[in-house]
Amino acid sequence: MFTITDIVSDIDRGCAVHNLNEDKFSYRVIFYINENGMGTRCHIDTTYEGLRADLENIIRENLTLTNTVSVAQTTVLKDGKCIRLQSRPYAFSLEEYFSQIYGKGRRKRVPYGRYALNAT
């Protein structure tokens, strides 16, 4: 399961690779809302300061029990060229979230119970 911090860290690495000063660009976040096999492509434009809040709003406003949200790409324009900053898309699903809560996720063991001691 991914977090907003994972996406922001990936974007920061992309900025470093392309030698970008984060505060000097406008970012375009491209995301998909997927429901019943149909995907709707959407985008927002934001600054680096507002990036985390806008990513949180994308997830909060669009993720429901019946659909998923995928943050597909974050881009900037530099010297007239579109530069992609994310190394991969990030998908968000409430089904995966609830699976991890109930211990049915990809991991075989739930990590929070690993160090519990028997009190008797």
PDB file of N, CA and C in Angstrom:
ATOM      1  N   MET A   1       0.856  -1.172   0.000  1.00  0.00           N
ATOM      2  CA  MET A   1       0.000   0.000   0.000  1.00  0.00           C
ATOM      3  C   MET A   1       0.899   1.231   0.000  1.00  0.00           C
ATOM      4  N   PHE A   2       0.554   2.202  -0.799  1.00  0.00           N
ATOM      5  CA  PHE A   2       1.346   3.409  -0.945  1.00  0.00           C
ATOM      6  C   PHE A   2       0.790   4.542  -0.109  1.00  0.00           C
ATOM      7  N   THR A   3       1.637   5.540   0.139  1.00  0.00           N
ATOM      8  CA  THR A   3       1.217   6.740   0.854  1.00  0.00           C
ATOM      9  C   THR A   3       1.566   7.962  -0.002  1.00  0.00           C
ATOM     10  N   ILE A   4       1.043   9.097   0.398  1.00  0.00           N
ATOM     11  CA  ILE A   4       1.360  10.345  -0.295  1.00  0.00           C
ATOM     12  C   ILE A   4       2.856  10.624  -0.188  1.00  0.00           C
ATOM     13  N   THR A   5       3.459  10.285   0.936  1.00  0.00           N
ATOM     14  CA  THR A   5       4.898  10.486   1.128  1.00  0.00           C
ATOM     15  C   THR A   5       5.702   9.718   0.080  1.00  0.00           C
ATOM     16  N   ASP A   6       5.253   8.515  -0.293  1.00  0.00           N
ATOM     17  CA  ASP A   6       5.935   7.744  -1.342  1.00  0.00           C
ATOM     18  C   ASP A   6       5.945   8.518  -2.657  1.00  0.00           C
ATOM     19  N   ILE A   7       4.820   9.119  -2.998  1.00  0.00           N
ATOM     20  CA  ILE A   7       4.724   9.863  -4.259  1.00  0.00           C
ATOM     21  C   ILE A   7       5.607  11.099  -4.212  1.00  0.00           C
ATOM     22  N   VAL A   8       5.533  11.866  -3.119  1.00  0.00           N
ATOM     23  CA  VAL A   8       6.332  13.093  -3.005  1.00  0.00           C
ATOM     24  C   VAL A   8       7.827  12.762  -3.038  1.00  0.00           C
ATOM     25  N   SER A   9       8.236  11.684  -2.389  1.00  0.00           N
ATOM     26  CA  SER A   9       9.646  11.268  -2.414  1.00  0.00           C
ATOM     27  C   SER A   9      10.077  10.904  -3.831  1.00  0.00           C
ATOM     28  N   ASP A  10       9.214  10.212  -4.556  1.00  0.00           N
ATOM     29  CA  ASP A  10       9.513   9.844  -5.938  1.00  0.00           C
ATOM     30  C   ASP A  10       9.653  11.092  -6.807  1.00  0.00           C
ATOM     31  N   ILE A  11       8.781  12.062  -6.608  1.00  0.00           N
ATOM     32  CA  ILE A  11       8.848  13.324  -7.363  1.00  0.00           C
ATOM     33  C   ILE A  11      10.133  14.068  -7.017  1.00  0.00           C
ATOM     34  N   ASP A  12      10.502  14.090  -5.732  1.00  0.00           N
ATOM     35  CA  ASP A  12      11.754  14.739  -5.318  1.00  0.00           C
ATOM     36  C   ASP A  12      12.964  14.102  -6.002  1.00  0.00           C
ATOM     37  N   ARG A  13      12.963  12.771  -6.089  1.00  0.00           N
ATOM     38  CA  ARG A  13      14.061  12.084  -6.792  1.00  0.00           C
ATOM     39  C   ARG A  13      14.073  12.466  -8.267  1.00  0.00           C
ATOM     40  N   GLY A  14      12.888  12.576  -8.875  1.00  0.00           N
ATOM     41  CA  GLY A  14      12.803  12.986 -10.273  1.00  0.00           C
ATOM     42  C   GLY A  14      13.321  14.398 -10.487  1.00  0.00           C
ATOM     43  N   CYS A  15      13.039  15.283  -9.538  1.00  0.00           N
ATOM     44  CA  CYS A  15      13.558  16.652  -9.622  1.00  0.00           C
ATOM     45  C   CYS A  15      15.084  16.649  -9.529  1.00  0.00           C
ATOM     46  N   ALA A  16      15.628  15.836  -8.620  1.00  0.00           N
ATOM     47  CA  ALA A  16      17.084  15.769  -8.461  1.00  0.00           C
ATOM     48  C   ALA A  16      17.752  15.208  -9.718  1.00  0.00           C
ATOM     49  N   VAL A  17      17.151  14.189 -10.321  1.00  0.00           N
ATOM     50  CA  VAL A  17      17.718  13.590 -11.530  1.00  0.00           C
ATOM     51  C   VAL A  17      17.778  14.608 -12.663  1.00  0.00           C
ATOM     52  N   HIS A  18      16.744  15.438 -12.781  1.00  0.00           N
ATOM     53  CA  HIS A  18      16.683  16.421 -13.862  1.00  0.00           C
ATOM     54  C   HIS A  18      17.228  17.785 -13.454  1.00  0.00           C
ATOM     55  N   ASN A  19      17.838  17.857 -12.255  1.00  0.00           N
ATOM     56  CA  ASN A  19      18.469  19.086 -11.768  1.00  0.00           C
ATOM     57  C   ASN A  19      17.490  20.267 -11.772  1.00  0.00           C
ATOM     58  N   LEU A  20      16.314  20.043 -11.188  1.00  0.00           N
ATOM     59  CA  LEU A  20      15.268  21.060 -11.139  1.00  0.00           C
ATOM     60  C   LEU A  20      15.210  21.709  -9.764  1.00  0.00           C
ATOM     61  N   ASN A  21      14.990  22.995  -9.753  1.00  0.00           N
ATOM     62  CA  ASN A  21      14.700  23.702  -8.508  1.00  0.00           C
ATOM     63  C   ASN A  21      13.189  23.600  -8.316  1.00  0.00           C
ATOM     64  N   GLU A  22      12.755  22.836  -7.311  1.00  0.00           N
ATOM     65  CA  GLU A  22      11.349  22.462  -7.142  1.00  0.00           C
ATOM     66  C   GLU A  22      10.386  23.649  -7.132  1.00  0.00           C
ATOM     67  N   ASP A  23      10.809  24.771  -6.564  1.00  0.00           N
ATOM     68  CA  ASP A  23       9.911  25.914  -6.386  1.00  0.00           C
ATOM     69  C   ASP A  23       9.721  26.749  -7.644  1.00  0.00           C
ATOM     70  N   LYS A  24      10.434  26.461  -8.701  1.00  0.00           N
ATOM     71  CA  LYS A  24      10.399  27.297  -9.908  1.00  0.00           C
ATOM     72  C   LYS A  24       9.478  26.777 -11.004  1.00  0.00           C
ATOM     73  N   PHE A  25       8.749  25.702 -10.724  1.00  0.00           N
ATOM     74  CA  PHE A  25       7.941  25.085 -11.771  1.00  0.00           C
ATOM     75  C   PHE A  25       6.501  24.910 -11.318  1.00  0.00           C
ATOM     76  N   SER A  26       5.628  24.772 -12.309  1.00  0.00           N
ATOM     77  CA  SER A  26       4.251  24.377 -12.065  1.00  0.00           C
ATOM     78  C   SER A  26       4.159  22.891 -12.407  1.00  0.00           C
ATOM     79  N   TYR A  27       3.539  22.134 -11.540  1.00  0.00           N
ATOM     80  CA  TYR A  27       3.447  20.690 -11.693  1.00  0.00           C
ATOM     81  C   TYR A  27       2.064  20.314 -12.201  1.00  0.00           C
ATOM     82  N   ARG A  28       2.014  19.345 -13.098  1.00  0.00           N
ATOM     83  CA  ARG A  28       0.747  18.792 -13.557  1.00  0.00           C
ATOM     84  C   ARG A  28       0.670  17.351 -13.054  1.00  0.00           C
ATOM     85  N   VAL A  29      -0.350  17.078 -12.259  1.00  0.00           N
ATOM     86  CA  VAL A  29      -0.576  15.737 -11.737  1.00  0.00           C
ATOM     87  C   VAL A  29      -1.689  15.105 -12.565  1.00  0.00           C
ATOM     88  N   ILE A  30      -1.377  13.989 -13.199  1.00  0.00           N
ATOM     89  CA  ILE A  30      -2.347  13.261 -14.016  1.00  0.00           C
ATOM     90  C   ILE A  30      -2.788  12.038 -13.229  1.00  0.00           C
ATOM     91  N   PHE A  31      -4.099  11.896 -13.076  1.00  0.00           N
ATOM     92  CA  PHE A  31      -4.623  10.769 -12.312  1.00  0.00           C
ATOM     93  C   PHE A  31      -5.856  10.201 -12.992  1.00  0.00           C
ATOM     94  N   TYR A  32      -6.144   8.954 -12.657  1.00  0.00           N
ATOM     95  CA  TYR A  32      -7.297   8.251 -13.221  1.00  0.00           C
ATOM     96  C   TYR A  32      -8.221   7.820 -12.100  1.00  0.00           C
ATOM     97  N   ILE A  33      -9.514   7.950 -12.362  1.00  0.00           N
ATOM     98  CA  ILE A  33     -10.541   7.425 -11.470  1.00  0.00           C
ATOM     99  C   ILE A  33     -11.139   6.233 -12.211  1.00  0.00           C
ATOM    100  N   ASN A  34     -10.954   5.047 -11.653  1.00  0.00           N
ATOM    101  CA  ASN A  34     -11.357   3.804 -12.319  1.00  0.00           C
ATOM    102  C   ASN A  34     -12.569   3.199 -11.619  1.00  0.00           C
ATOM    103  N   GLU A  35     -13.627   2.991 -12.375  1.00  0.00           N
ATOM    104  CA  GLU A  35     -14.842   2.394 -11.824  1.00  0.00           C
ATOM    105  C   GLU A  35     -15.496   1.520 -12.881  1.00  0.00           C
ATOM    106  N   ASN A  36     -15.823   0.286 -12.499  1.00  0.00           N
ATOM    107  CA  ASN A  36     -16.489  -0.671 -13.397  1.00  0.00           C
ATOM    108  C   ASN A  36     -15.744  -0.845 -14.721  1.00  0.00           C
ATOM    109  N   GLY A  37     -14.430  -0.925 -14.668  1.00  0.00           N
ATOM    110  CA  GLY A  37     -13.645  -1.143 -15.869  1.00  0.00           C
ATOM    111  C   GLY A  37     -13.460   0.081 -16.748  1.00  0.00           C
ATOM    112  N   MET A  38     -14.000   1.207 -16.340  1.00  0.00           N
ATOM    113  CA  MET A  38     -13.874   2.446 -17.106  1.00  0.00           C
ATOM    114  C   MET A  38     -12.992   3.414 -16.330  1.00  0.00           C
ATOM    115  N   GLY A  39     -12.020   4.006 -17.000  1.00  0.00           N
ATOM    116  CA  GLY A  39     -11.137   4.975 -16.371  1.00  0.00           C
ATOM    117  C   GLY A  39     -11.396   6.371 -16.896  1.00  0.00           C
ATOM    118  N   THR A  40     -11.462   7.322 -15.996  1.00  0.00           N
ATOM    119  CA  THR A  40     -11.621   8.720 -16.375  1.00  0.00           C
ATOM    120  C   THR A  40     -10.305   9.434 -16.092  1.00  0.00           C
ATOM    121  N   ARG A  41      -9.734  10.059 -17.115  1.00  0.00           N
ATOM    122  CA  ARG A  41      -8.464  10.760 -16.964  1.00  0.00           C
ATOM    123  C   ARG A  41      -8.744  12.180 -16.481  1.00  0.00           C
ATOM    124  N   CYS A  42      -8.013  12.584 -15.449  1.00  0.00           N
ATOM    125  CA  CYS A  42      -8.153  13.924 -14.892  1.00  0.00           C
ATOM    126  C   CYS A  42      -6.763  14.493 -14.640  1.00  0.00           C
ATOM    127  N   HIS A  43      -6.682  15.796 -14.456  1.00  0.00           N
ATOM    128  CA  HIS A  43      -5.406  16.402 -14.082  1.00  0.00           C
ATOM    129  C   HIS A  43      -5.649  17.666 -13.269  1.00  0.00           C
ATOM    130  N   ILE A  44      -4.639  18.013 -12.485  1.00  0.00           N
ATOM    131  CA  ILE A  44      -4.642  19.284 -11.773  1.00  0.00           C
ATOM    132  C   ILE A  44      -3.268  19.912 -11.957  1.00  0.00           C
ATOM    133  N   ASP A  45      -3.212  21.215 -11.873  1.00  0.00           N
ATOM    134  CA  ASP A  45      -1.949  21.944 -11.893  1.00  0.00           C
ATOM    135  C   ASP A  45      -1.725  22.506 -10.497  1.00  0.00           C
ATOM    136  N   THR A  46      -0.497  22.410 -10.016  1.00  0.00           N
ATOM    137  CA  THR A  46      -0.194  22.820  -8.656  1.00  0.00           C
ATOM    138  C   THR A  46       1.247  23.308  -8.557  1.00  0.00           C
ATOM    139  N   THR A  47       1.566  23.917  -7.432  1.00  0.00           N
ATOM    140  CA  THR A  47       2.935  24.316  -7.134  1.00  0.00           C
ATOM    141  C   THR A  47       3.561  23.256  -6.237  1.00  0.00           C
ATOM    142  N   TYR A  48       4.853  23.348  -6.021  1.00  0.00           N
ATOM    143  CA  TYR A  48       5.517  22.381  -5.144  1.00  0.00           C
ATOM    144  C   TYR A  48       4.996  22.509  -3.713  1.00  0.00           C
ATOM    145  N   GLU A  49       4.734  23.728  -3.278  1.00  0.00           N
ATOM    146  CA  GLU A  49       4.177  23.956  -1.928  1.00  0.00           C
ATOM    147  C   GLU A  49       2.848  23.255  -1.734  1.00  0.00           C
ATOM    148  N   GLY A  50       2.006  23.249  -2.745  1.00  0.00           N
ATOM    149  CA  GLY A  50       0.674  22.674  -2.641  1.00  0.00           C
ATOM    150  C   GLY A  50       0.579  21.225  -3.089  1.00  0.00           C
ATOM    151  N   LEU A  51       1.709  20.634  -3.450  1.00  0.00           N
ATOM    152  CA  LEU A  51       1.697  19.284  -4.015  1.00  0.00           C
ATOM    153  C   LEU A  51       1.119  18.250  -3.062  1.00  0.00           C
ATOM    154  N   ARG A  52       1.600  18.210  -1.837  1.00  0.00           N
ATOM    155  CA  ARG A  52       1.116  17.217  -0.872  1.00  0.00           C
ATOM    156  C   ARG A  52      -0.380  17.395  -0.610  1.00  0.00           C
ATOM    157  N   ALA A  53      -0.808  18.609  -0.368  1.00  0.00           N
ATOM    158  CA  ALA A  53      -2.230  18.866  -0.085  1.00  0.00           C
ATOM    159  C   ALA A  53      -3.100  18.491  -1.284  1.00  0.00           C
ATOM    160  N   ASP A  54      -2.642  18.793  -2.488  1.00  0.00           N
ATOM    161  CA  ASP A  54      -3.432  18.460  -3.674  1.00  0.00           C
ATOM    162  C   ASP A  54      -3.502  16.949  -3.901  1.00  0.00           C
ATOM    163  N   LEU A  55      -2.407  16.233  -3.647  1.00  0.00           N
ATOM    164  CA  LEU A  55      -2.443  14.774  -3.754  1.00  0.00           C
ATOM    165  C   LEU A  55      -3.405  14.184  -2.730  1.00  0.00           C
ATOM    166  N   GLU A  56      -3.374  14.701  -1.508  1.00  0.00           N
ATOM    167  CA  GLU A  56      -4.304  14.237  -0.471  1.00  0.00           C
ATOM    168  C   GLU A  56      -5.746  14.489  -0.890  1.00  0.00           C
ATOM    169  N   ASN A  57      -6.009  15.660  -1.471  1.00  0.00           N
ATOM    170  CA  ASN A  57      -7.365  15.986  -1.915  1.00  0.00           C
ATOM    171  C   ASN A  57      -7.823  15.086  -3.058  1.00  0.00           C
ATOM    172  N   ILE A  58      -6.918  14.752  -3.970  1.00  0.00           N
ATOM    173  CA  ILE A  58      -7.278  13.838  -5.064  1.00  0.00           C
ATOM    174  C   ILE A  58      -7.777  12.526  -4.486  1.00  0.00           C
ATOM    175  N   ILE A  59      -7.039  11.966  -3.544  1.00  0.00           N
ATOM    176  CA  ILE A  59      -7.409  10.685  -2.948  1.00  0.00           C
ATOM    177  C   ILE A  59      -8.683  10.836  -2.128  1.00  0.00           C
ATOM    178  N   ARG A  60      -8.732  11.831  -1.269  1.00  0.00           N
ATOM    179  CA  ARG A  60      -9.878  12.019  -0.366  1.00  0.00           C
ATOM    180  C   ARG A  60     -11.185  12.256  -1.130  1.00  0.00           C
ATOM    181  N   GLU A  61     -11.134  13.026  -2.190  1.00  0.00           N
ATOM    182  CA  GLU A  61     -12.355  13.404  -2.905  1.00  0.00           C
ATOM    183  C   GLU A  61     -12.822  12.358  -3.917  1.00  0.00           C
ATOM    184  N   ASN A  62     -11.930  11.470  -4.347  1.00  0.00           N
ATOM    185  CA  ASN A  62     -12.288  10.569  -5.440  1.00  0.00           C
ATOM    186  C   ASN A  62     -12.296   9.087  -5.094  1.00  0.00           C
ATOM    187  N   LEU A  63     -11.669   8.691  -4.006  1.00  0.00           N
ATOM    188  CA  LEU A  63     -11.602   7.275  -3.652  1.00  0.00           C
ATOM    189  C   LEU A  63     -12.855   6.870  -2.887  1.00  0.00           C
ATOM    190  N   THR A  64     -13.526   5.832  -3.387  1.00  0.00           N
ATOM    191  CA  THR A  64     -14.727   5.323  -2.731  1.00  0.00           C
ATOM    192  C   THR A  64     -14.647   3.799  -2.643  1.00  0.00           C
ATOM    193  N   LEU A  65     -15.664   3.201  -2.075  1.00  0.00           N
ATOM    194  CA  LEU A  65     -15.704   1.744  -1.981  1.00  0.00           C
ATOM    195  C   LEU A  65     -15.845   1.071  -3.341  1.00  0.00           C
ATOM    196  N   THR A  66     -16.359   1.799  -4.331  1.00  0.00           N
ATOM    197  CA  THR A  66     -16.632   1.191  -5.638  1.00  0.00           C
ATOM    198  C   THR A  66     -15.624   1.562  -6.719  1.00  0.00           C
ATOM    199  N   ASN A  67     -14.634   2.406  -6.413  1.00  0.00           N
ATOM    200  CA  ASN A  67     -13.661   2.761  -7.443  1.00  0.00           C
ATOM    201  C   ASN A  67     -12.261   2.829  -6.862  1.00  0.00           C
ATOM    202  N   THR A  68     -11.285   2.985  -7.744  1.00  0.00           N
ATOM    203  CA  THR A  68      -9.895   3.154  -7.354  1.00  0.00           C
ATOM    204  C   THR A  68      -9.372   4.444  -7.978  1.00  0.00           C
ATOM    205  N   VAL A  69      -8.283   4.936  -7.415  1.00  0.00           N
ATOM    206  CA  VAL A  69      -7.643   6.129  -7.948  1.00  0.00           C
ATOM    207  C   VAL A  69      -6.183   5.779  -8.223  1.00  0.00           C
ATOM    208  N   SER A  70      -5.706   6.177  -9.379  1.00  0.00           N
ATOM    209  CA  SER A  70      -4.313   5.940  -9.744  1.00  0.00           C
ATOM    210  C   SER A  70      -3.661   7.272 -10.098  1.00  0.00           C
ATOM    211  N   VAL A  71      -2.614   7.635  -9.349  1.00  0.00           N
ATOM    212  CA  VAL A  71      -1.840   8.830  -9.669  1.00  0.00           C
ATOM    213  C   VAL A  71      -0.807   8.373 -10.693  1.00  0.00           C
ATOM    214  N   ALA A  72      -1.087   8.675 -11.950  1.00  0.00           N
ATOM    215  CA  ALA A  72      -0.317   8.097 -13.051  1.00  0.00           C
ATOM    216  C   ALA A  72       1.004   8.808 -13.296  1.00  0.00           C
ATOM    217  N   GLN A  73       1.017  10.136 -13.230  1.00  0.00           N
ATOM    218  CA  GLN A  73       2.226  10.855 -13.585  1.00  0.00           C
ATOM    219  C   GLN A  73       2.190  12.274 -13.051  1.00  0.00           C
ATOM    220  N   THR A  74       3.361  12.775 -12.732  1.00  0.00           N
ATOM    221  CA  THR A  74       3.535  14.177 -12.377  1.00  0.00           C
ATOM    222  C   THR A  74       4.590  14.722 -13.326  1.00  0.00           C
ATOM    223  N   THR A  75       4.260  15.816 -14.003  1.00  0.00           N
ATOM    224  CA  THR A  75       5.163  16.360 -15.013  1.00  0.00           C
ATOM    225  C   THR A  75       5.396  17.845 -14.790  1.00  0.00           C
ATOM    226  N   VAL A  76       6.482  18.353 -15.393  1.00  0.00           N
ATOM    227  CA  VAL A  76       6.772  19.784 -15.454  1.00  0.00           C
ATOM    228  C   VAL A  76       7.191  20.102 -16.882  1.00  0.00           C
ATOM    229  N   LEU A  77       7.070  21.362 -17.245  1.00  0.00           N
ATOM    230  CA  LEU A  77       7.588  21.819 -18.536  1.00  0.00           C
ATOM    231  C   LEU A  77       8.909  22.546 -18.290  1.00  0.00           C
ATOM    232  N   LYS A  78       9.968  22.074 -18.947  1.00  0.00           N
ATOM    233  CA  LYS A  78      11.279  22.714 -18.844  1.00  0.00           C
ATOM    234  C   LYS A  78      11.828  22.883 -20.242  1.00  0.00           C
ATOM    235  N   ASP A  79      12.117  24.105 -20.607  1.00  0.00           N
ATOM    236  CA  ASP A  79      12.634  24.422 -21.937  1.00  0.00           C
ATOM    237  C   ASP A  79      11.731  23.884 -23.036  1.00  0.00           C
ATOM    238  N   GLY A  80      10.409  23.942 -22.819  1.00  0.00           N
ATOM    239  CA  GLY A  80       9.441  23.495 -23.804  1.00  0.00           C
ATOM    240  C   GLY A  80       9.252  21.996 -23.878  1.00  0.00           C
ATOM    241  N   LYS A  81       9.934  21.248 -23.024  1.00  0.00           N
ATOM    242  CA  LYS A  81       9.809  19.790 -23.018  1.00  0.00           C
ATOM    243  C   LYS A  81       9.089  19.336 -21.763  1.00  0.00           C
ATOM    244  N   CYS A  82       8.265  18.311 -21.923  1.00  0.00           N
ATOM    245  CA  CYS A  82       7.537  17.726 -20.798  1.00  0.00           C
ATOM    246  C   CYS A  82       8.447  16.708 -20.115  1.00  0.00           C
ATOM    247  N   ILE A  83       8.713  16.918 -18.832  1.00  0.00           N
ATOM    248  CA  ILE A  83       9.580  16.020 -18.072  1.00  0.00           C
ATOM    249  C   ILE A  83       8.732  15.267 -17.061  1.00  0.00           C
ATOM    250  N   ARG A  84       8.821  13.951 -17.097  1.00  0.00           N
ATOM    251  CA  ARG A  84       8.084  13.097 -16.160  1.00  0.00           C
ATOM    252  C   ARG A  84       8.922  12.897 -14.908  1.00  0.00           C
ATOM    253  N   LEU A  85       8.310  13.111 -13.754  1.00  0.00           N
ATOM    254  CA  LEU A  85       9.045  13.048 -12.498  1.00  0.00           C
ATOM    255  C   LEU A  85       8.809  11.768 -11.705  1.00  0.00           C
ATOM    256  N   GLN A  86       7.712  11.103 -11.919  1.00  0.00           N
ATOM    257  CA  GLN A  86       7.429   9.861 -11.198  1.00  0.00           C
ATOM    258  C   GLN A  86       8.066   8.692 -11.928  1.00  0.00           C
ATOM    259  N   SER A  87       8.582   7.723 -11.164  1.00  0.00           N
ATOM    260  CA  SER A  87       9.168   6.542 -11.783  1.00  0.00           C
ATOM    261  C   SER A  87       8.122   5.487 -12.098  1.00  0.00           C
ATOM    262  N   ARG A  88       6.925   5.629 -11.504  1.00  0.00           N
ATOM    263  CA  ARG A  88       5.872   4.627 -11.685  1.00  0.00           C
ATOM    264  C   ARG A  88       4.537   5.232 -11.281  1.00  0.00           C
ATOM    265  N   PRO A  89       3.416   4.629 -11.678  1.00  0.00           N
ATOM    266  CA  PRO A  89       2.101   5.071 -11.193  1.00  0.00           C
ATOM    267  C   PRO A  89       1.844   4.525  -9.791  1.00  0.00           C
ATOM    268  N   TYR A  90       0.989   5.211  -9.047  1.00  0.00           N
ATOM    269  CA  TYR A  90       0.633   4.805  -7.684  1.00  0.00           C
ATOM    270  C   TYR A  90      -0.875   4.628  -7.598  1.00  0.00           C
ATOM    271  N   ALA A  91      -1.308   3.411  -7.279  1.00  0.00           N
ATOM    272  CA  ALA A  91      -2.735   3.093  -7.211  1.00  0.00           C
ATOM    273  C   ALA A  91      -3.206   3.077  -5.761  1.00  0.00           C
ATOM    274  N   PHE A  92      -4.414   3.563  -5.544  1.00  0.00           N
ATOM    275  CA  PHE A  92      -5.028   3.589  -4.223  1.00  0.00           C
ATOM    276  C   PHE A  92      -6.382   2.900  -4.292  1.00  0.00           C
ATOM    277  N   SER A  93      -6.614   1.984  -3.348  1.00  0.00           N
ATOM    278  CA  SER A  93      -7.840   1.205  -3.317  1.00  0.00           C
ATOM    279  C   SER A  93      -8.242   0.976  -1.867  1.00  0.00           C
ATOM    280  N   LEU A  94      -9.498   1.177  -1.561  1.00  0.00           N
ATOM    281  CA  LEU A  94      -9.960   0.897  -0.206  1.00  0.00           C
ATOM    282  C   LEU A  94      -9.974  -0.597   0.071  1.00  0.00           C
ATOM    283  N   GLU A  95     -10.118  -1.416  -0.952  1.00  0.00           N
ATOM    284  CA  GLU A  95     -10.088  -2.867  -0.768  1.00  0.00           C
ATOM    285  C   GLU A  95      -8.725  -3.299  -0.219  1.00  0.00           C
ATOM    286  N   GLU A  96      -7.665  -2.765  -0.786  1.00  0.00           N
ATOM    287  CA  GLU A  96      -6.323  -3.092  -0.295  1.00  0.00           C
ATOM    288  C   GLU A  96      -6.129  -2.563   1.123  1.00  0.00           C
ATOM    289  N   TYR A  97      -6.643  -1.369   1.386  1.00  0.00           N
ATOM    290  CA  TYR A  97      -6.539  -0.782   2.722  1.00  0.00           C
ATOM    291  C   TYR A  97      -7.210  -1.674   3.766  1.00  0.00           C
ATOM    292  N   PHE A  98      -8.442  -2.099   3.502  1.00  0.00           N
ATOM    293  CA  PHE A  98      -9.159  -2.948   4.462  1.00  0.00           C
ATOM    294  C   PHE A  98      -8.509  -4.327   4.576  1.00  0.00           C
ATOM    295  N   SER A  99      -7.964  -4.847   3.504  1.00  0.00           N
ATOM    296  CA  SER A  99      -7.257  -6.135   3.562  1.00  0.00           C
ATOM    297  C   SER A  99      -6.068  -6.056   4.501  1.00  0.00           C
ATOM    298  N   GLN A 100      -5.342  -4.952   4.466  1.00  0.00           N
ATOM    299  CA  GLN A 100      -4.189  -4.802   5.357  1.00  0.00           C
ATOM    300  C   GLN A 100      -4.625  -4.628   6.804  1.00  0.00           C
ATOM    301  N   ILE A 101      -5.729  -3.940   7.024  1.00  0.00           N
ATOM    302  CA  ILE A 101      -6.233  -3.771   8.394  1.00  0.00           C
ATOM    303  C   ILE A 101      -6.597  -5.121   9.002  1.00  0.00           C
ATOM    304  N   TYR A 102      -7.228  -5.974   8.206  1.00  0.00           N
ATOM    305  CA  TYR A 102      -7.663  -7.270   8.706  1.00  0.00           C
ATOM    306  C   TYR A 102      -6.593  -8.354   8.578  1.00  0.00           C
ATOM    307  N   GLY A 103      -5.377  -7.980   8.161  1.00  0.00           N
ATOM    308  CA  GLY A 103      -4.285  -8.937   8.086  1.00  0.00           C
ATOM    309  C   GLY A 103      -4.338  -9.866   6.901  1.00  0.00           C
ATOM    310  N   LYS A 104      -5.065  -9.492   5.860  1.00  0.00           N
ATOM    311  CA  LYS A 104      -5.187 -10.346   4.674  1.00  0.00           C
ATOM    312  C   LYS A 104      -4.422  -9.765   3.492  1.00  0.00           C
ATOM    313  N   GLY A 105      -3.484  -8.870   3.772  1.00  0.00           N
ATOM    314  CA  GLY A 105      -2.736  -8.218   2.710  1.00  0.00           C
ATOM    315  C   GLY A 105      -1.676  -9.122   2.120  1.00  0.00           C
ATOM    316  N   ARG A 106      -0.737  -8.523   1.432  1.00  0.00           N
ATOM    317  CA  ARG A 106       0.323  -9.263   0.760  1.00  0.00           C
ATOM    318  C   ARG A 106       1.276  -9.909   1.757  1.00  0.00           C
ATOM    319  N   ARG A 107       1.408  -9.302   2.914  1.00  0.00           N
ATOM    320  CA  ARG A 107       2.314  -9.848   3.921  1.00  0.00           C
ATOM    321  C   ARG A 107       1.688 -11.070   4.576  1.00  0.00           C
ATOM    322  N   LYS A 108       2.516 -12.019   4.898  1.00  0.00           N
ATOM    323  CA  LYS A 108       2.031 -13.239   5.539  1.00  0.00           C
ATOM    324  C   LYS A 108       1.696 -12.988   7.002  1.00  0.00           C
ATOM    325  N   ARG A 109       2.458 -12.118   7.656  1.00  0.00           N
ATOM    326  CA  ARG A 109       2.254 -11.832   9.072  1.00  0.00           C
ATOM    327  C   ARG A 109       1.947 -10.362   9.266  1.00  0.00           C
ATOM    328  N   VAL A 110       1.163 -10.067  10.265  1.00  0.00           N
ATOM    329  CA  VAL A 110       0.846  -8.685  10.596  1.00  0.00           C
ATOM    330  C   VAL A 110       1.956  -8.172  11.510  1.00  0.00           C
ATOM    331  N   PRO A 111       2.689  -7.117  11.123  1.00  0.00           N
ATOM    332  CA  PRO A 111       3.883  -6.712  11.858  1.00  0.00           C
ATOM    333  C   PRO A 111       3.623  -6.153  13.253  1.00  0.00           C
ATOM    334  N   TYR A 112       2.446  -5.619  13.534  1.00  0.00           N
ATOM    335  CA  TYR A 112       2.237  -4.985  14.828  1.00  0.00           C
ATOM    336  C   TYR A 112       2.094  -5.989  15.962  1.00  0.00           C
ATOM    337  N   GLY A 113       1.901  -7.265  15.693  1.00  0.00           N
ATOM    338  CA  GLY A 113       1.762  -8.252  16.747  1.00  0.00           C
ATOM    339  C   GLY A 113       3.033  -9.077  16.974  1.00  0.00           C
ATOM    340  N   ARG A 114       4.088  -8.733  16.288  1.00  0.00           N
ATOM    341  CA  ARG A 114       5.298  -9.539  16.291  1.00  0.00           C
ATOM    342  C   ARG A 114       5.967  -9.602  17.657  1.00  0.00           C
ATOM    343  N   TYR A 115       5.976  -8.527  18.418  1.00  0.00           N
ATOM    344  CA  TYR A 115       6.723  -8.481  19.664  1.00  0.00           C
ATOM    345  C   TYR A 115       5.844  -8.579  20.907  1.00  0.00           C
ATOM    346  N   ALA A 116       4.622  -9.005  20.765  1.00  0.00           N
ATOM    347  CA  ALA A 116       3.725  -9.147  21.911  1.00  0.00           C
ATOM    348  C   ALA A 116       4.192 -10.318  22.763  1.00  0.00           C
ATOM    349  N   LEU A 117       4.186 -10.116  24.067  1.00  0.00           N
ATOM    350  CA  LEU A 117       4.597 -11.158  25.007  1.00  0.00           C
ATOM    351  C   LEU A 117       3.385 -11.727  25.701  1.00  0.00           C
ATOM    352  N   ASN A 118       3.455 -12.974  26.027  1.00  0.00           N
ATOM    353  CA  ASN A 118       2.388 -13.619  26.761  1.00  0.00           C
ATOM    354  C   ASN A 118       2.459 -13.169  28.220  1.00  0.00           C
ATOM    355  N   ALA A 119       1.394 -12.592  28.744  1.00  0.00           N
ATOM    356  CA  ALA A 119       1.390 -12.033  30.096  1.00  0.00           C
ATOM    357  C   ALA A 119       1.196 -13.094  31.172  1.00  0.00           C
ATOM    358  N   THR A 120       0.820 -14.303  30.812  1.00  0.00           N
ATOM    359  CA  THR A 120       0.591 -15.329  31.833  1.00  0.00           C
ATOM    360  C   THR A 120       1.806 -16.166  32.086  1.00  0.00           C
TER     361      THR A 120
END
